[in-house]
Amino acid sequence: DLQSVLSTLRDAQLRKDIVLFMSAYSLTFPGLDDKRAKT
């Protein structure tokens, strides 16, 4: 299950898909909006 989350994160980085990238993070992740902007 954890490898599946990280695979989603890797595919989003390679495709530069910000929606798919943010779906791997919890809504309570600290600095969620800042993470989106930096990525």
PDB file of all heavy atoms in Angstrom:
ATOM      1  N   ASP A   1       0.830  -1.205   0.000  1.00  0.00           N
ATOM      2  CA  ASP A   1       0.000   0.000   0.000  1.00  0.00           C
ATOM      3  C   ASP A   1       0.868   1.261   0.000  1.00  0.00           C
ATOM      4  O   ASP A   1       0.568   2.229  -0.716  1.00  0.00           O
ATOM      5  CB  ASP A   1      -0.920   0.006   1.215  1.00  0.00           C
ATOM      6  CG  ASP A   1      -1.972  -1.097   1.142  1.00  0.00           C
ATOM      7  OD1 ASP A   1      -2.246  -1.581   0.025  1.00  0.00           O
ATOM      8  OD2 ASP A   1      -2.504  -1.473   2.196  1.00  0.00           O
ATOM      9  N   LEU A   2       1.941   1.271   0.804  1.00  0.00           N
ATOM     10  CA  LEU A   2       2.812   2.448   0.849  1.00  0.00           C
ATOM     11  C   LEU A   2       3.567   2.620  -0.466  1.00  0.00           C
ATOM     12  O   LEU A   2       3.765   3.747  -0.947  1.00  0.00           O
ATOM     13  CB  LEU A   2       3.793   2.323   2.020  1.00  0.00           C
ATOM     14  CG  LEU A   2       3.166   2.164   3.411  1.00  0.00           C
ATOM     15  CD1 LEU A   2       4.236   2.192   4.484  1.00  0.00           C
ATOM     16  CD2 LEU A   2       2.111   3.225   3.666  1.00  0.00           C
ATOM     17  N   GLN A   3       3.993   1.518  -1.079  1.00  0.00           N
ATOM     18  CA  GLN A   3       4.656   1.609  -2.370  1.00  0.00           C
ATOM     19  C   GLN A   3       3.712   2.158  -3.441  1.00  0.00           C
ATOM     20  O   GLN A   3       4.143   2.881  -4.349  1.00  0.00           O
ATOM     21  CB  GLN A   3       5.171   0.229  -2.790  1.00  0.00           C
ATOM     22  CG  GLN A   3       6.384  -0.232  -2.008  1.00  0.00           C
ATOM     23  CD  GLN A   3       6.811  -1.643  -2.382  1.00  0.00           C
ATOM     24  OE1 GLN A   3       6.035  -2.429  -2.929  1.00  0.00           O
ATOM     25  NE2 GLN A   3       8.054  -1.981  -2.072  1.00  0.00           N
ATOM     26  N   SER A   4       2.432   1.863  -3.328  1.00  0.00           N
ATOM     27  CA  SER A   4       1.462   2.388  -4.288  1.00  0.00           C
ATOM     28  C   SER A   4       1.362   3.907  -4.177  1.00  0.00           C
ATOM     29  O   SER A   4       1.258   4.608  -5.207  1.00  0.00           O
ATOM     30  CB  SER A   4       0.090   1.748  -4.033  1.00  0.00           C
ATOM     31  OG  SER A   4      -0.888   2.279  -4.892  1.00  0.00           O
ATOM     32  N   VAL A   5       1.412   4.453  -2.942  1.00  0.00           N
ATOM     33  CA  VAL A   5       1.379   5.915  -2.770  1.00  0.00           C
ATOM     34  C   VAL A   5       2.614   6.548  -3.405  1.00  0.00           C
ATOM     35  O   VAL A   5       2.528   7.566  -4.119  1.00  0.00           O
ATOM     36  CB  VAL A   5       1.291   6.266  -1.276  1.00  0.00           C
ATOM     37  CG1 VAL A   5       1.310   7.772  -1.073  1.00  0.00           C
ATOM     38  CG2 VAL A   5       0.032   5.674  -0.667  1.00  0.00           C
ATOM     39  N   LEU A   6       3.772   5.959  -3.162  1.00  0.00           N
ATOM     40  CA  LEU A   6       5.011   6.519  -3.704  1.00  0.00           C
ATOM     41  C   LEU A   6       5.070   6.379  -5.220  1.00  0.00           C
ATOM     42  O   LEU A   6       5.640   7.236  -5.912  1.00  0.00           O
ATOM     43  CB  LEU A   6       6.208   5.827  -3.055  1.00  0.00           C
ATOM     44  CG  LEU A   6       6.303   6.002  -1.523  1.00  0.00           C
ATOM     45  CD1 LEU A   6       7.425   5.155  -0.958  1.00  0.00           C
ATOM     46  CD2 LEU A   6       6.516   7.465  -1.155  1.00  0.00           C
ATOM     47  N   SER A   7       4.488   5.325  -5.784  1.00  0.00           N
ATOM     48  CA  SER A   7       4.445   5.187  -7.237  1.00  0.00           C
ATOM     49  C   SER A   7       3.589   6.291  -7.860  1.00  0.00           C
ATOM     50  O   SER A   7       3.917   6.830  -8.921  1.00  0.00           O
ATOM     51  CB  SER A   7       3.873   3.812  -7.611  1.00  0.00           C
ATOM     52  OG  SER A   7       4.721   2.771  -7.163  1.00  0.00           O
ATOM     53  N   THR A   8       2.487   6.646  -7.196  1.00  0.00           N
ATOM     54  CA  THR A   8       1.668   7.768  -7.671  1.00  0.00           C
ATOM     55  C   THR A   8       2.471   9.066  -7.649  1.00  0.00           C
ATOM     56  O   THR A   8       2.405   9.873  -8.595  1.00  0.00           O
ATOM     57  CB  THR A   8       0.414   7.909  -6.782  1.00  0.00           C
ATOM     58  OG1 THR A   8      -0.349   6.697  -6.848  1.00  0.00           O
ATOM     59  CG2 THR A   8      -0.447   9.071  -7.225  1.00  0.00           C
ATOM     60  N   LEU A   9       3.249   9.273  -6.596  1.00  0.00           N
ATOM     61  CA  LEU A   9       4.079  10.472  -6.484  1.00  0.00           C
ATOM     62  C   LEU A   9       5.141  10.509  -7.584  1.00  0.00           C
ATOM     63  O   LEU A   9       5.402  11.556  -8.190  1.00  0.00           O
ATOM     64  CB  LEU A   9       4.732  10.497  -5.095  1.00  0.00           C
ATOM     65  CG  LEU A   9       5.250  11.834  -4.595  1.00  0.00           C
ATOM     66  CD1 LEU A   9       4.119  12.831  -4.466  1.00  0.00           C
ATOM     67  CD2 LEU A   9       5.926  11.647  -3.249  1.00  0.00           C
ATOM     68  N   ARG A  10       5.741   9.353  -7.884  1.00  0.00           N
ATOM     69  CA  ARG A  10       6.758   9.296  -8.936  1.00  0.00           C
ATOM     70  C   ARG A  10       6.144   9.578 -10.306  1.00  0.00           C
ATOM     71  O   ARG A  10       6.689  10.370 -11.097  1.00  0.00           O
ATOM     72  CB  ARG A  10       7.399   7.910  -8.940  1.00  0.00           C
ATOM     73  CG  ARG A  10       8.445   7.713 -10.040  1.00  0.00           C
ATOM     74  CD  ARG A  10       8.833   6.260 -10.137  1.00  0.00           C
ATOM     75  NE  ARG A  10       7.653   5.457 -10.469  1.00  0.00           N
ATOM     76  CZ  ARG A  10       7.599   4.130 -10.335  1.00  0.00           C
ATOM     77  NH1 ARG A  10       8.640   3.460  -9.875  1.00  0.00           N
ATOM     78  NH2 ARG A  10       6.496   3.480 -10.657  1.00  0.00           N
ATOM     79  N   ASP A  11       5.006   8.975 -10.625  1.00  0.00           N
ATOM     80  CA  ASP A  11       4.373   9.208 -11.919  1.00  0.00           C
ATOM     81  C   ASP A  11       3.983  10.671 -12.090  1.00  0.00           C
ATOM     82  O   ASP A  11       4.102  11.235 -13.184  1.00  0.00           O
ATOM     83  CB  ASP A  11       3.132   8.316 -12.064  1.00  0.00           C
ATOM     84  CG  ASP A  11       3.493   6.842 -12.100  1.00  0.00           C
ATOM     85  OD1 ASP A  11       4.673   6.526 -12.359  1.00  0.00           O
ATOM     86  OD2 ASP A  11       2.588   6.011 -11.853  1.00  0.00           O
ATOM     87  N   ALA A  12       3.513  11.298 -11.017  1.00  0.00           N
ATOM     88  CA  ALA A  12       3.135  12.709 -11.100  1.00  0.00           C
ATOM     89  C   ALA A  12       4.352  13.593 -11.369  1.00  0.00           C
ATOM     90  O   ALA A  12       4.269  14.573 -12.122  1.00  0.00           O
ATOM     91  CB  ALA A  12       2.444  13.128  -9.801  1.00  0.00           C
ATOM     92  N   GLN A  13       5.514  13.260 -10.780  1.00  0.00           N
ATOM     93  CA  GLN A  13       6.740  14.032 -11.022  1.00  0.00           C
ATOM     94  C   GLN A  13       7.195  13.897 -12.471  1.00  0.00           C
ATOM     95  O   GLN A  13       7.564  14.889 -13.119  1.00  0.00           O
ATOM     96  CB  GLN A  13       7.849  13.529 -10.082  1.00  0.00           C
ATOM     97  CG  GLN A  13       7.604  13.821  -8.612  1.00  0.00           C
ATOM     98  CD  GLN A  13       8.178  15.166  -8.173  1.00  0.00           C
ATOM     99  OE1 GLN A  13       8.196  16.118  -8.932  1.00  0.00           O
ATOM    100  NE2 GLN A  13       8.657  15.221  -6.947  1.00  0.00           N
ATOM    101  N   LEU A  14       7.161  12.678 -12.988  1.00  0.00           N
ATOM    102  CA  LEU A  14       7.624  12.471 -14.362  1.00  0.00           C
ATOM    103  C   LEU A  14       6.686  13.132 -15.372  1.00  0.00           C
ATOM    104  O   LEU A  14       7.137  13.645 -16.404  1.00  0.00           O
ATOM    105  CB  LEU A  14       7.728  10.970 -14.649  1.00  0.00           C
ATOM    106  CG  LEU A  14       8.794  10.211 -13.841  1.00  0.00           C
ATOM    107  CD1 LEU A  14       8.706   8.714 -14.113  1.00  0.00           C
ATOM    108  CD2 LEU A  14      10.200  10.721 -14.186  1.00  0.00           C
ATOM    109  N   ARG A  15       5.381  13.141 -15.091  1.00  0.00           N
ATOM    110  CA  ARG A  15       4.401  13.719 -16.013  1.00  0.00           C
ATOM    111  C   ARG A  15       4.101  15.183 -15.716  1.00  0.00           C
ATOM    112  O   ARG A  15       3.382  15.849 -16.463  1.00  0.00           O
ATOM    113  CB  ARG A  15       3.100  12.907 -15.951  1.00  0.00           C
ATOM    114  CG  ARG A  15       3.244  11.499 -16.478  1.00  0.00           C
ATOM    115  CD  ARG A  15       2.183  10.559 -15.938  1.00  0.00           C
ATOM    116  NE  ARG A  15       0.831  11.100 -16.044  1.00  0.00           N
ATOM    117  CZ  ARG A  15      -0.241  10.482 -15.554  1.00  0.00           C
ATOM    118  NH1 ARG A  15      -0.100   9.319 -14.918  1.00  0.00           N
ATOM    119  NH2 ARG A  15      -1.426  11.020 -15.703  1.00  0.00           N
ATOM    120  N   LYS A  16       4.611  15.670 -14.552  1.00  0.00           N
ATOM    121  CA  LYS A  16       4.356  17.038 -14.103  1.00  0.00           C
ATOM    122  C   LYS A  16       2.851  17.300 -13.999  1.00  0.00           C
ATOM    123  O   LYS A  16       2.316  18.279 -14.508  1.00  0.00           O
ATOM    124  CB  LYS A  16       5.021  18.053 -15.036  1.00  0.00           C
ATOM    125  CG  LYS A  16       6.540  17.973 -15.017  1.00  0.00           C
ATOM    126  CD  LYS A  16       7.183  19.069 -15.847  1.00  0.00           C
ATOM    127  CE  LYS A  16       8.703  18.986 -15.754  1.00  0.00           C
ATOM    128  NZ  LYS A  16       9.365  20.041 -16.545  1.00  0.00           N
ATOM    129  N   ASP A  17       2.192  16.384 -13.313  1.00  0.00           N
ATOM    130  CA  ASP A  17       0.745  16.469 -13.089  1.00  0.00           C
ATOM    131  C   ASP A  17       0.532  16.885 -11.643  1.00  0.00           C
ATOM    132  O   ASP A  17       0.653  16.075 -10.714  1.00  0.00           O
ATOM    133  CB  ASP A  17       0.101  15.105 -13.369  1.00  0.00           C
ATOM    134  CG  ASP A  17      -1.418  15.141 -13.315  1.00  0.00           C
ATOM    135  OD1 ASP A  17      -1.973  16.073 -12.718  1.00  0.00           O
ATOM    136  OD2 ASP A  17      -2.047  14.224 -13.880  1.00  0.00           O
ATOM    137  N   ILE A  18       0.216  18.166 -11.426  1.00  0.00           N
ATOM    138  CA  ILE A  18       0.136  18.687 -10.066  1.00  0.00           C
ATOM    139  C   ILE A  18      -1.069  18.124  -9.315  1.00  0.00           C
ATOM    140  O   ILE A  18      -1.023  17.922  -8.090  1.00  0.00           O
ATOM    141  CB  ILE A  18       0.087  20.234 -10.091  1.00  0.00           C
ATOM    142  CG1 ILE A  18       0.308  20.782  -8.676  1.00  0.00           C
ATOM    143  CG2 ILE A  18      -1.224  20.713 -10.694  1.00  0.00           C
ATOM    144  CD1 ILE A  18       1.648  20.454  -8.083  1.00  0.00           C
ATOM    145  N   VAL A  19      -2.183  17.835 -10.031  1.00  0.00           N
ATOM    146  CA  VAL A  19      -3.356  17.278  -9.363  1.00  0.00           C
ATOM    147  C   VAL A  19      -3.048  15.873  -8.847  1.00  0.00           C
ATOM    148  O   VAL A  19      -3.355  15.524  -7.702  1.00  0.00           O
ATOM    149  CB  VAL A  19      -4.562  17.257 -10.323  1.00  0.00           C
ATOM    150  CG1 VAL A  19      -5.752  16.565  -9.664  1.00  0.00           C
ATOM    151  CG2 VAL A  19      -4.927  18.664 -10.750  1.00  0.00           C
ATOM    152  N   LEU A  20      -2.420  15.044  -9.696  1.00  0.00           N
ATOM    153  CA  LEU A  20      -2.044  13.697  -9.268  1.00  0.00           C
ATOM    154  C   LEU A  20      -1.007  13.760  -8.159  1.00  0.00           C
ATOM    155  O   LEU A  20      -1.026  12.957  -7.227  1.00  0.00           O
ATOM    156  CB  LEU A  20      -1.500  12.914 -10.470  1.00  0.00           C
ATOM    157  CG  LEU A  20      -1.114  11.461 -10.226  1.00  0.00           C
ATOM    158  CD1 LEU A  20      -2.328  10.641  -9.794  1.00  0.00           C
ATOM    159  CD2 LEU A  20      -0.476  10.850 -11.476  1.00  0.00           C
ATOM    160  N   PHE A  21      -0.083  14.739  -8.234  1.00  0.00           N
ATOM    161  CA  PHE A  21       0.962  14.883  -7.232  1.00  0.00           C
ATOM    162  C   PHE A  21       0.357  15.185  -5.859  1.00  0.00           C
ATOM    163  O   PHE A  21       0.718  14.568  -4.856  1.00  0.00           O
ATOM    164  CB  PHE A  21       1.916  15.999  -7.660  1.00  0.00           C
ATOM    165  CG  PHE A  21       3.057  16.232  -6.705  1.00  0.00           C
ATOM    166  CD1 PHE A  21       4.207  15.467  -6.757  1.00  0.00           C
ATOM    167  CD2 PHE A  21       2.970  17.226  -5.732  1.00  0.00           C
ATOM    168  CE1 PHE A  21       5.260  15.689  -5.877  1.00  0.00           C
ATOM    169  CE2 PHE A  21       4.011  17.452  -4.848  1.00  0.00           C
ATOM    170  CZ  PHE A  21       5.161  16.681  -4.916  1.00  0.00           C
ATOM    171  N   MET A  22      -0.596  16.116  -5.794  1.00  0.00           N
ATOM    172  CA  MET A  22      -1.168  16.516  -4.514  1.00  0.00           C
ATOM    173  C   MET A  22      -2.113  15.450  -3.950  1.00  0.00           C
ATOM    174  O   MET A  22      -2.381  15.428  -2.750  1.00  0.00           O
ATOM    175  CB  MET A  22      -1.930  17.844  -4.667  1.00  0.00           C
ATOM    176  CG  MET A  22      -1.041  19.006  -5.097  1.00  0.00           C
ATOM    177  SD  MET A  22       0.409  19.240  -4.036  1.00  0.00           S
ATOM    178  CE  MET A  22      -0.354  19.596  -2.464  1.00  0.00           C
ATOM    179  N   SER A  23      -2.617  14.525  -4.810  1.00  0.00           N
ATOM    180  CA  SER A  23      -3.497  13.473  -4.308  1.00  0.00           C
ATOM    181  C   SER A  23      -2.759  12.487  -3.413  1.00  0.00           C
ATOM    182  O   SER A  23      -3.395  11.719  -2.679  1.00  0.00           O
ATOM    183  CB  SER A  23      -4.144  12.724  -5.474  1.00  0.00           C
ATOM    184  OG  SER A  23      -3.171  11.964  -6.194  1.00  0.00           O
ATOM    185  N   ALA A  24      -1.429  12.480  -3.454  1.00  0.00           N
ATOM    186  CA  ALA A  24      -0.649  11.577  -2.614  1.00  0.00           C
ATOM    187  C   ALA A  24      -0.437  12.134  -1.214  1.00  0.00           C
ATOM    188  O   ALA A  24       0.065  11.426  -0.343  1.00  0.00           O
ATOM    189  CB  ALA A  24       0.703  11.281  -3.261  1.00  0.00           C
ATOM    190  N   TYR A  25      -0.819  13.410  -0.987  1.00  0.00           N
ATOM    191  CA  TYR A  25      -0.607  14.059   0.313  1.00  0.00           C
ATOM    192  C   TYR A  25      -1.924  14.198   1.055  1.00  0.00           C
ATOM    193  O   TYR A  25      -2.985  14.395   0.447  1.00  0.00           O
ATOM    194  CB  TYR A  25       0.036  15.432   0.127  1.00  0.00           C
ATOM    195  CG  TYR A  25       1.488  15.370  -0.288  1.00  0.00           C
ATOM    196  CD1 TYR A  25       1.842  15.302  -1.624  1.00  0.00           C
ATOM    197  CD2 TYR A  25       2.500  15.357   0.661  1.00  0.00           C
ATOM    198  CE1 TYR A  25       3.164  15.223  -2.025  1.00  0.00           C
ATOM    199  CE2 TYR A  25       3.835  15.291   0.273  1.00  0.00           C
ATOM    200  CZ  TYR A  25       4.162  15.212  -1.063  1.00  0.00           C
ATOM    201  OH  TYR A  25       5.472  15.143  -1.444  1.00  0.00           O
ATOM    202  N   SER A  26      -1.856  14.095   2.382  1.00  0.00           N
ATOM    203  CA  SER A  26      -3.019  14.258   3.228  1.00  0.00           C
ATOM    204  C   SER A  26      -3.474  15.709   3.221  1.00  0.00           C
ATOM    205  O   SER A  26      -2.680  16.639   3.020  1.00  0.00           O
ATOM    206  CB  SER A  26      -2.694  13.811   4.658  1.00  0.00           C
ATOM    207  OG  SER A  26      -3.717  14.179   5.551  1.00  0.00           O
ATOM    208  N   LEU A  27      -4.765  15.912   3.452  1.00  0.00           N
ATOM    209  CA  LEU A  27      -5.290  17.275   3.536  1.00  0.00           C
ATOM    210  C   LEU A  27      -4.767  18.010   4.763  1.00  0.00           C
ATOM    211  O   LEU A  27      -4.832  19.232   4.821  1.00  0.00           O
ATOM    212  CB  LEU A  27      -6.821  17.239   3.567  1.00  0.00           C
ATOM    213  CG  LEU A  27      -7.500  16.658   2.313  1.00  0.00           C
ATOM    214  CD1 LEU A  27      -9.006  16.616   2.505  1.00  0.00           C
ATOM    215  CD2 LEU A  27      -7.136  17.470   1.080  1.00  0.00           C
ATOM    216  N   THR A  28      -4.231  17.253   5.745  1.00  0.00           N
ATOM    217  CA  THR A  28      -3.662  17.871   6.952  1.00  0.00           C
ATOM    218  C   THR A  28      -2.136  17.949   6.884  1.00  0.00           C
ATOM    219  O   THR A  28      -1.492  18.165   7.911  1.00  0.00           O
ATOM    220  CB  THR A  28      -4.091  17.061   8.192  1.00  0.00           C
ATOM    221  OG1 THR A  28      -3.623  15.707   8.069  1.00  0.00           O
ATOM    222  CG2 THR A  28      -5.609  17.048   8.331  1.00  0.00           C
ATOM    223  N   PHE A  29      -1.561  17.761   5.695  1.00  0.00           N
ATOM    224  CA  PHE A  29      -0.099  17.843   5.552  1.00  0.00           C
ATOM    225  C   PHE A  29       0.347  19.273   5.872  1.00  0.00           C
ATOM    226  O   PHE A  29      -0.224  20.250   5.354  1.00  0.00           O
ATOM    227  CB  PHE A  29       0.301  17.475   4.123  1.00  0.00           C
ATOM    228  CG  PHE A  29       1.783  17.459   3.890  1.00  0.00           C
ATOM    229  CD1 PHE A  29       2.535  16.343   4.177  1.00  0.00           C
ATOM    230  CD2 PHE A  29       2.436  18.581   3.389  1.00  0.00           C
ATOM    231  CE1 PHE A  29       3.905  16.319   3.954  1.00  0.00           C
ATOM    232  CE2 PHE A  29       3.804  18.578   3.169  1.00  0.00           C
ATOM    233  CZ  PHE A  29       4.534  17.433   3.456  1.00  0.00           C
ATOM    234  N   PRO A  30       1.379  19.456   6.714  1.00  0.00           N
ATOM    235  CA  PRO A  30       1.823  20.807   7.073  1.00  0.00           C
ATOM    236  C   PRO A  30       2.327  21.568   5.836  1.00  0.00           C
ATOM    237  O   PRO A  30       3.147  21.056   5.070  1.00  0.00           O
ATOM    238  CB  PRO A  30       2.960  20.558   8.076  1.00  0.00           C
ATOM    239  CG  PRO A  30       2.730  19.162   8.594  1.00  0.00           C
ATOM    240  CD  PRO A  30       2.125  18.412   7.458  1.00  0.00           C
ATOM    241  N   GLY A  31       1.846  22.801   5.649  1.00  0.00           N
ATOM    242  CA  GLY A  31       2.279  23.620   4.516  1.00  0.00           C
ATOM    243  C   GLY A  31       1.872  23.028   3.182  1.00  0.00           C
ATOM    244  O   GLY A  31       2.692  22.993   2.247  1.00  0.00           O
ATOM    245  N   LEU A  32       0.627  22.570   3.074  1.00  0.00           N
ATOM    246  CA  LEU A  32       0.180  21.899   1.854  1.00  0.00           C
ATOM    247  C   LEU A  32       0.205  22.857   0.655  1.00  0.00           C
ATOM    248  O   LEU A  32       0.674  22.500  -0.428  1.00  0.00           O
ATOM    249  CB  LEU A  32      -1.230  21.332   2.055  1.00  0.00           C
ATOM    250  CG  LEU A  32      -1.786  20.472   0.931  1.00  0.00           C
ATOM    251  CD1 LEU A  32      -0.943  19.210   0.759  1.00  0.00           C
ATOM    252  CD2 LEU A  32      -3.240  20.093   1.206  1.00  0.00           C
ATOM    253  N   ASP A  33      -0.284  24.075   0.834  1.00  0.00           N
ATOM    254  CA  ASP A  33      -0.284  25.046  -0.274  1.00  0.00           C
ATOM    255  C   ASP A  33       1.137  25.435  -0.670  1.00  0.00           C
ATOM    256  O   ASP A  33       1.432  25.625  -1.853  1.00  0.00           O
ATOM    257  CB  ASP A  33      -1.079  26.289   0.131  1.00  0.00           C
ATOM    258  CG  ASP A  33      -2.560  25.983   0.317  1.00  0.00           C
ATOM    259  OD1 ASP A  33      -3.028  24.993  -0.276  1.00  0.00           O
ATOM    260  OD2 ASP A  33      -3.233  26.726   1.058  1.00  0.00           O
ATOM    261  N   ASP A  34       2.026  25.572   0.321  1.00  0.00           N
ATOM    262  CA  ASP A  34       3.418  25.916   0.020  1.00  0.00           C
ATOM    263  C   ASP A  34       4.090  24.783  -0.755  1.00  0.00           C
ATOM    264  O   ASP A  34       4.902  25.022  -1.655  1.00  0.00           O
ATOM    265  CB  ASP A  34       4.158  26.186   1.332  1.00  0.00           C
ATOM    266  CG  ASP A  34       5.561  26.729   1.092  1.00  0.00           C
ATOM    267  OD1 ASP A  34       5.722  27.603   0.210  1.00  0.00           O
ATOM    268  OD2 ASP A  34       6.494  26.266   1.778  1.00  0.00           O
ATOM    269  N   LYS A  35       3.731  23.522  -0.424  1.00  0.00           N
ATOM    270  CA  LYS A  35       4.268  22.363  -1.138  1.00  0.00           C
ATOM    271  C   LYS A  35       3.849  22.399  -2.600  1.00  0.00           C
ATOM    272  O   LYS A  35       4.645  22.116  -3.507  1.00  0.00           O
ATOM    273  CB  LYS A  35       3.750  21.078  -0.471  1.00  0.00           C
ATOM    274  CG  LYS A  35       4.298  19.795  -1.073  1.00  0.00           C
ATOM    275  CD  LYS A  35       5.767  19.624  -0.746  1.00  0.00           C
ATOM    276  CE  LYS A  35       6.279  18.288  -1.213  1.00  0.00           C
ATOM    277  NZ  LYS A  35       7.730  18.113  -0.940  1.00  0.00           N
ATOM    278  N   ARG A  36       2.598  22.772  -2.864  1.00  0.00           N
ATOM    279  CA  ARG A  36       2.113  22.849  -4.237  1.00  0.00           C
ATOM    280  C   ARG A  36       2.886  23.926  -5.021  1.00  0.00           C
ATOM    281  O   ARG A  36       3.315  23.684  -6.164  1.00  0.00           O
ATOM    282  CB  ARG A  36       0.624  23.187  -4.236  1.00  0.00           C
ATOM    283  CG  ARG A  36      -0.004  23.292  -5.621  1.00  0.00           C
ATOM    284  CD  ARG A  36      -1.360  23.980  -5.529  1.00  0.00           C
ATOM    285  NE  ARG A  36      -2.265  23.253  -4.664  1.00  0.00           N
ATOM    286  CZ  ARG A  36      -3.106  22.318  -5.099  1.00  0.00           C
ATOM    287  NH1 ARG A  36      -3.149  22.024  -6.391  1.00  0.00           N
ATOM    288  NH2 ARG A  36      -3.909  21.701  -4.264  1.00  0.00           N
ATOM    289  N   ALA A  37       3.082  25.083  -4.412  1.00  0.00           N
ATOM    290  CA  ALA A  37       3.753  26.185  -5.112  1.00  0.00           C
ATOM    291  C   ALA A  37       5.213  25.859  -5.408  1.00  0.00           C
ATOM    292  O   ALA A  37       5.713  26.107  -6.518  1.00  0.00           O
ATOM    293  CB  ALA A  37       3.649  27.458  -4.268  1.00  0.00           C
ATOM    294  N   LYS A  38       5.941  25.260  -4.451  1.00  0.00           N
ATOM    295  CA  LYS A  38       7.348  24.937  -4.659  1.00  0.00           C
ATOM    296  C   LYS A  38       7.522  23.862  -5.726  1.00  0.00           C
ATOM    297  O   LYS A  38       8.460  23.916  -6.529  1.00  0.00           O
ATOM    298  CB  LYS A  38       7.966  24.478  -3.338  1.00  0.00           C
ATOM    299  CG  LYS A  38       8.187  25.598  -2.334  1.00  0.00           C
ATOM    300  CD  LYS A  38       8.883  25.078  -1.083  1.00  0.00           C
ATOM    301  CE  LYS A  38       9.153  26.221  -0.100  1.00  0.00           C
ATOM    302  NZ  LYS A  38       9.830  25.754   1.139  1.00  0.00           N
ATOM    303  N   THR A  39       6.621  22.898  -5.745  1.00  0.00           N
ATOM    304  CA  THR A  39       6.730  21.831  -6.739  1.00  0.00           C
ATOM    305  C   THR A  39       6.509  22.376  -8.147  1.00  0.00           C
ATOM    306  O   THR A  39       7.252  22.046  -9.083  1.00  0.00           O
ATOM    307  CB  THR A  39       5.707  20.727  -6.429  1.00  0.00           C
ATOM    308  OG1 THR A  39       5.962  20.200  -5.122  1.00  0.00           O
ATOM    309  CG2 THR A  39       5.794  19.606  -7.446  1.00  0.00           C
TER     310      THR A  39
END
